[in-house]
N, C-alpha and C. Protein backbone atom coordinates (compact mmCIF):
# COMPACT_ATOMS: atom_id res chain seq x y z
N MET A 1 19.41 15.20 -13.00
CA MET A 1 19.12 14.54 -14.26
C MET A 1 18.54 13.15 -14.03
N ARG A 2 19.10 12.47 -13.03
CA ARG A 2 18.61 11.12 -12.74
C ARG A 2 17.17 11.17 -12.24
N ARG A 3 16.87 12.18 -11.45
CA ARG A 3 15.51 12.32 -10.94
C ARG A 3 14.53 12.61 -12.08
N LEU A 4 14.93 13.39 -13.05
CA LEU A 4 14.09 13.71 -14.20
C LEU A 4 13.84 12.47 -15.05
N LEU A 5 14.88 11.67 -15.28
CA LEU A 5 14.70 10.43 -16.05
C LEU A 5 13.80 9.45 -15.31
N THR A 6 13.97 9.35 -14.00
CA THR A 6 13.11 8.47 -13.21
C THR A 6 11.66 8.93 -13.27
N ALA A 7 11.43 10.22 -13.17
CA ALA A 7 10.07 10.76 -13.24
C ALA A 7 9.47 10.54 -14.63
N ALA A 8 10.27 10.71 -15.68
CA ALA A 8 9.78 10.48 -17.03
C ALA A 8 9.45 9.01 -17.25
N PHE A 9 10.31 8.13 -16.76
CA PHE A 9 10.05 6.70 -16.89
C PHE A 9 8.78 6.30 -16.12
N LEU A 10 8.64 6.82 -14.92
CA LEU A 10 7.46 6.51 -14.11
C LEU A 10 6.20 7.05 -14.78
N ALA A 11 6.26 8.25 -15.36
CA ALA A 11 5.11 8.82 -16.05
C ALA A 11 4.75 7.99 -17.28
N ALA A 12 5.77 7.51 -18.01
CA ALA A 12 5.51 6.69 -19.20
C ALA A 12 4.87 5.36 -18.81
N VAL A 13 5.33 4.77 -17.72
CA VAL A 13 4.76 3.50 -17.27
C VAL A 13 3.33 3.68 -16.80
N LEU A 14 3.06 4.75 -16.07
CA LEU A 14 1.72 4.97 -15.53
C LEU A 14 0.73 5.38 -16.61
N THR A 15 1.18 6.12 -17.61
CA THR A 15 0.25 6.55 -18.66
C THR A 15 0.05 5.48 -19.71
N SER A 16 0.89 4.48 -19.76
CA SER A 16 0.70 3.41 -20.74
C SER A 16 -0.45 2.50 -20.34
N ASN A 17 -0.81 2.51 -19.08
CA ASN A 17 -1.93 1.72 -18.62
C ASN A 17 -3.22 2.43 -19.01
N VAL A 18 -4.04 1.77 -19.81
CA VAL A 18 -5.26 2.39 -20.31
C VAL A 18 -6.39 2.07 -19.35
N GLY A 19 -6.84 3.05 -18.60
CA GLY A 19 -8.00 2.88 -17.75
C GLY A 19 -7.65 2.37 -16.37
N CYS A 20 -7.76 1.09 -16.18
CA CYS A 20 -7.65 0.51 -14.85
C CYS A 20 -6.30 -0.20 -14.65
N PHE A 21 -6.00 -0.45 -13.40
CA PHE A 21 -4.79 -1.21 -13.09
C PHE A 21 -4.98 -2.67 -13.48
N LEU A 22 -6.16 -3.21 -13.18
CA LEU A 22 -6.49 -4.58 -13.58
C LEU A 22 -7.40 -4.53 -14.79
N PRO A 23 -7.12 -5.32 -15.81
CA PRO A 23 -7.97 -5.29 -17.00
C PRO A 23 -9.35 -5.87 -16.70
N ALA A 24 -10.36 -5.35 -17.39
CA ALA A 24 -11.73 -5.79 -17.17
C ALA A 24 -11.99 -7.14 -17.82
N TYR A 25 -11.29 -7.43 -18.91
CA TYR A 25 -11.55 -8.66 -19.66
C TYR A 25 -10.27 -9.48 -19.75
N ASP A 26 -10.43 -10.75 -20.04
CA ASP A 26 -9.31 -11.70 -20.13
C ASP A 26 -8.45 -11.40 -21.35
N ALA A 27 -7.21 -11.84 -21.31
CA ALA A 27 -6.30 -11.63 -22.43
C ALA A 27 -6.53 -12.65 -23.54
N ASP A 28 -7.07 -13.81 -23.22
CA ASP A 28 -7.35 -14.83 -24.23
C ASP A 28 -8.51 -14.37 -25.11
N PRO A 29 -8.34 -14.33 -26.43
CA PRO A 29 -9.40 -13.81 -27.30
C PRO A 29 -10.71 -14.59 -27.21
N ALA A 30 -10.64 -15.90 -27.06
CA ALA A 30 -11.88 -16.69 -26.99
C ALA A 30 -12.65 -16.38 -25.70
N VAL A 31 -11.94 -16.31 -24.60
CA VAL A 31 -12.59 -16.01 -23.33
C VAL A 31 -13.09 -14.57 -23.32
N ARG A 32 -12.30 -13.66 -23.89
CA ARG A 32 -12.69 -12.25 -23.94
C ARG A 32 -13.96 -12.07 -24.78
N ALA A 33 -14.07 -12.79 -25.90
CA ALA A 33 -15.27 -12.70 -26.73
C ALA A 33 -16.49 -13.18 -25.96
N LYS A 34 -16.33 -14.26 -25.21
CA LYS A 34 -17.45 -14.77 -24.41
C LYS A 34 -17.85 -13.76 -23.34
N GLN A 35 -16.88 -13.13 -22.70
CA GLN A 35 -17.17 -12.14 -21.68
C GLN A 35 -17.88 -10.93 -22.28
N LEU A 36 -17.44 -10.49 -23.46
CA LEU A 36 -18.08 -9.35 -24.11
C LEU A 36 -19.50 -9.67 -24.54
N ILE A 37 -19.74 -10.90 -24.98
CA ILE A 37 -21.11 -11.30 -25.35
C ILE A 37 -22.00 -11.30 -24.13
N TYR A 38 -21.52 -11.84 -23.02
CA TYR A 38 -22.32 -11.84 -21.80
C TYR A 38 -22.62 -10.42 -21.34
N THR A 39 -21.63 -9.53 -21.43
CA THR A 39 -21.84 -8.15 -21.01
C THR A 39 -22.86 -7.46 -21.89
N SER A 40 -22.77 -7.64 -23.21
CA SER A 40 -23.71 -6.97 -24.10
C SER A 40 -25.11 -7.53 -23.93
N GLU A 41 -25.24 -8.83 -23.67
CA GLU A 41 -26.57 -9.41 -23.44
C GLU A 41 -27.17 -8.86 -22.16
N ASN A 42 -26.36 -8.68 -21.11
CA ASN A 42 -26.87 -8.13 -19.87
C ASN A 42 -27.31 -6.68 -20.05
N LEU A 43 -26.56 -5.90 -20.82
CA LEU A 43 -26.94 -4.52 -21.06
C LEU A 43 -28.19 -4.43 -21.92
N ARG A 44 -28.38 -5.38 -22.82
CA ARG A 44 -29.56 -5.38 -23.66
C ARG A 44 -30.80 -5.73 -22.83
N ALA A 45 -30.64 -6.54 -21.82
CA ALA A 45 -31.78 -6.96 -21.00
C ALA A 45 -32.22 -5.87 -20.03
N ILE A 46 -31.41 -4.85 -19.83
CA ILE A 46 -31.77 -3.78 -18.90
C ILE A 46 -33.02 -3.06 -19.38
N ARG A 47 -33.13 -2.80 -20.68
CA ARG A 47 -34.29 -2.08 -21.21
C ARG A 47 -35.59 -2.85 -20.95
N THR A 48 -35.60 -4.14 -21.18
CA THR A 48 -36.82 -4.91 -20.95
C THR A 48 -37.17 -4.97 -19.47
N GLU A 49 -36.15 -5.08 -18.62
CA GLU A 49 -36.42 -5.07 -17.17
C GLU A 49 -36.98 -3.72 -16.74
N TRP A 50 -36.43 -2.64 -17.28
CA TRP A 50 -36.91 -1.31 -16.94
C TRP A 50 -38.38 -1.14 -17.38
N GLU A 51 -38.71 -1.56 -18.58
CA GLU A 51 -40.08 -1.44 -19.06
C GLU A 51 -41.03 -2.33 -18.25
N ARG A 52 -40.58 -3.50 -17.87
CA ARG A 52 -41.42 -4.39 -17.08
C ARG A 52 -41.64 -3.83 -15.68
N PHE A 53 -40.63 -3.21 -15.09
CA PHE A 53 -40.75 -2.65 -13.75
C PHE A 53 -41.73 -1.48 -13.72
N TRP A 54 -41.67 -0.62 -14.74
CA TRP A 54 -42.55 0.55 -14.78
C TRP A 54 -43.85 0.27 -15.54
N PHE A 55 -44.12 -1.00 -15.85
CA PHE A 55 -45.36 -1.42 -16.54
C PHE A 55 -45.51 -0.74 -17.90
N LEU A 56 -44.40 -0.50 -18.57
CA LEU A 56 -44.46 0.09 -19.89
C LEU A 56 -44.71 -0.96 -20.97
N ASP A 57 -44.56 -2.23 -20.61
CA ASP A 57 -44.78 -3.29 -21.59
C ASP A 57 -46.24 -3.75 -21.60
N ALA A 58 -47.07 -3.19 -20.71
CA ALA A 58 -48.47 -3.57 -20.66
C ALA A 58 -49.21 -2.94 -21.84
N PRO A 59 -50.31 -3.56 -22.27
CA PRO A 59 -51.05 -2.96 -23.37
C PRO A 59 -51.72 -1.65 -22.96
N ASP A 60 -51.87 -0.78 -23.91
CA ASP A 60 -52.48 0.52 -23.65
C ASP A 60 -53.99 0.38 -23.73
N HIS A 61 -54.69 0.75 -22.67
CA HIS A 61 -56.15 0.64 -22.64
C HIS A 61 -56.83 1.91 -23.10
N MET A 62 -56.05 2.93 -23.36
CA MET A 62 -56.62 4.18 -23.86
C MET A 62 -56.61 4.14 -25.39
N ALA A 63 -57.51 3.38 -25.97
CA ALA A 63 -57.56 3.21 -27.41
C ALA A 63 -58.03 4.50 -28.07
N PRO A 64 -57.45 4.88 -29.20
CA PRO A 64 -57.90 6.10 -29.87
C PRO A 64 -59.30 5.95 -30.47
N VAL A 65 -59.71 4.72 -30.75
CA VAL A 65 -61.05 4.47 -31.30
C VAL A 65 -61.90 3.84 -30.22
N ARG A 66 -63.02 4.44 -29.90
CA ARG A 66 -63.89 3.90 -28.87
C ARG A 66 -64.61 2.66 -29.40
N THR A 67 -64.59 1.62 -28.62
CA THR A 67 -65.29 0.39 -28.99
C THR A 67 -66.43 0.18 -28.01
N HIS A 68 -67.43 -0.53 -28.47
CA HIS A 68 -68.62 -0.74 -27.65
C HIS A 68 -68.33 -1.70 -26.50
N GLY A 69 -67.70 -2.80 -26.79
CA GLY A 69 -67.33 -3.75 -25.76
C GLY A 69 -68.43 -4.74 -25.40
N GLY A 70 -69.61 -4.51 -25.86
CA GLY A 70 -70.71 -5.41 -25.57
C GLY A 70 -71.00 -6.32 -26.77
N ILE A 71 -71.99 -7.19 -26.59
CA ILE A 71 -72.37 -8.09 -27.67
C ILE A 71 -73.36 -7.36 -28.58
N LEU A 72 -73.07 -7.33 -29.85
CA LEU A 72 -73.96 -6.66 -30.81
C LEU A 72 -74.81 -7.64 -31.54
């Protein structure tokens, strides 16, 4: 019986931890908000870096309307 209670207590303690052993963010709400803002800004910047790396942000030279390009 003692072994069963110890196993149940250990299971309750281990399952109460959500995710990681060490928390990803600070317990202080002000510091945690700052950390979350920095994280979201970094994730938002990934798309622009990806487009810049693959030259997707460059203008498209294949215009659907043909232009003369010379002086008329």
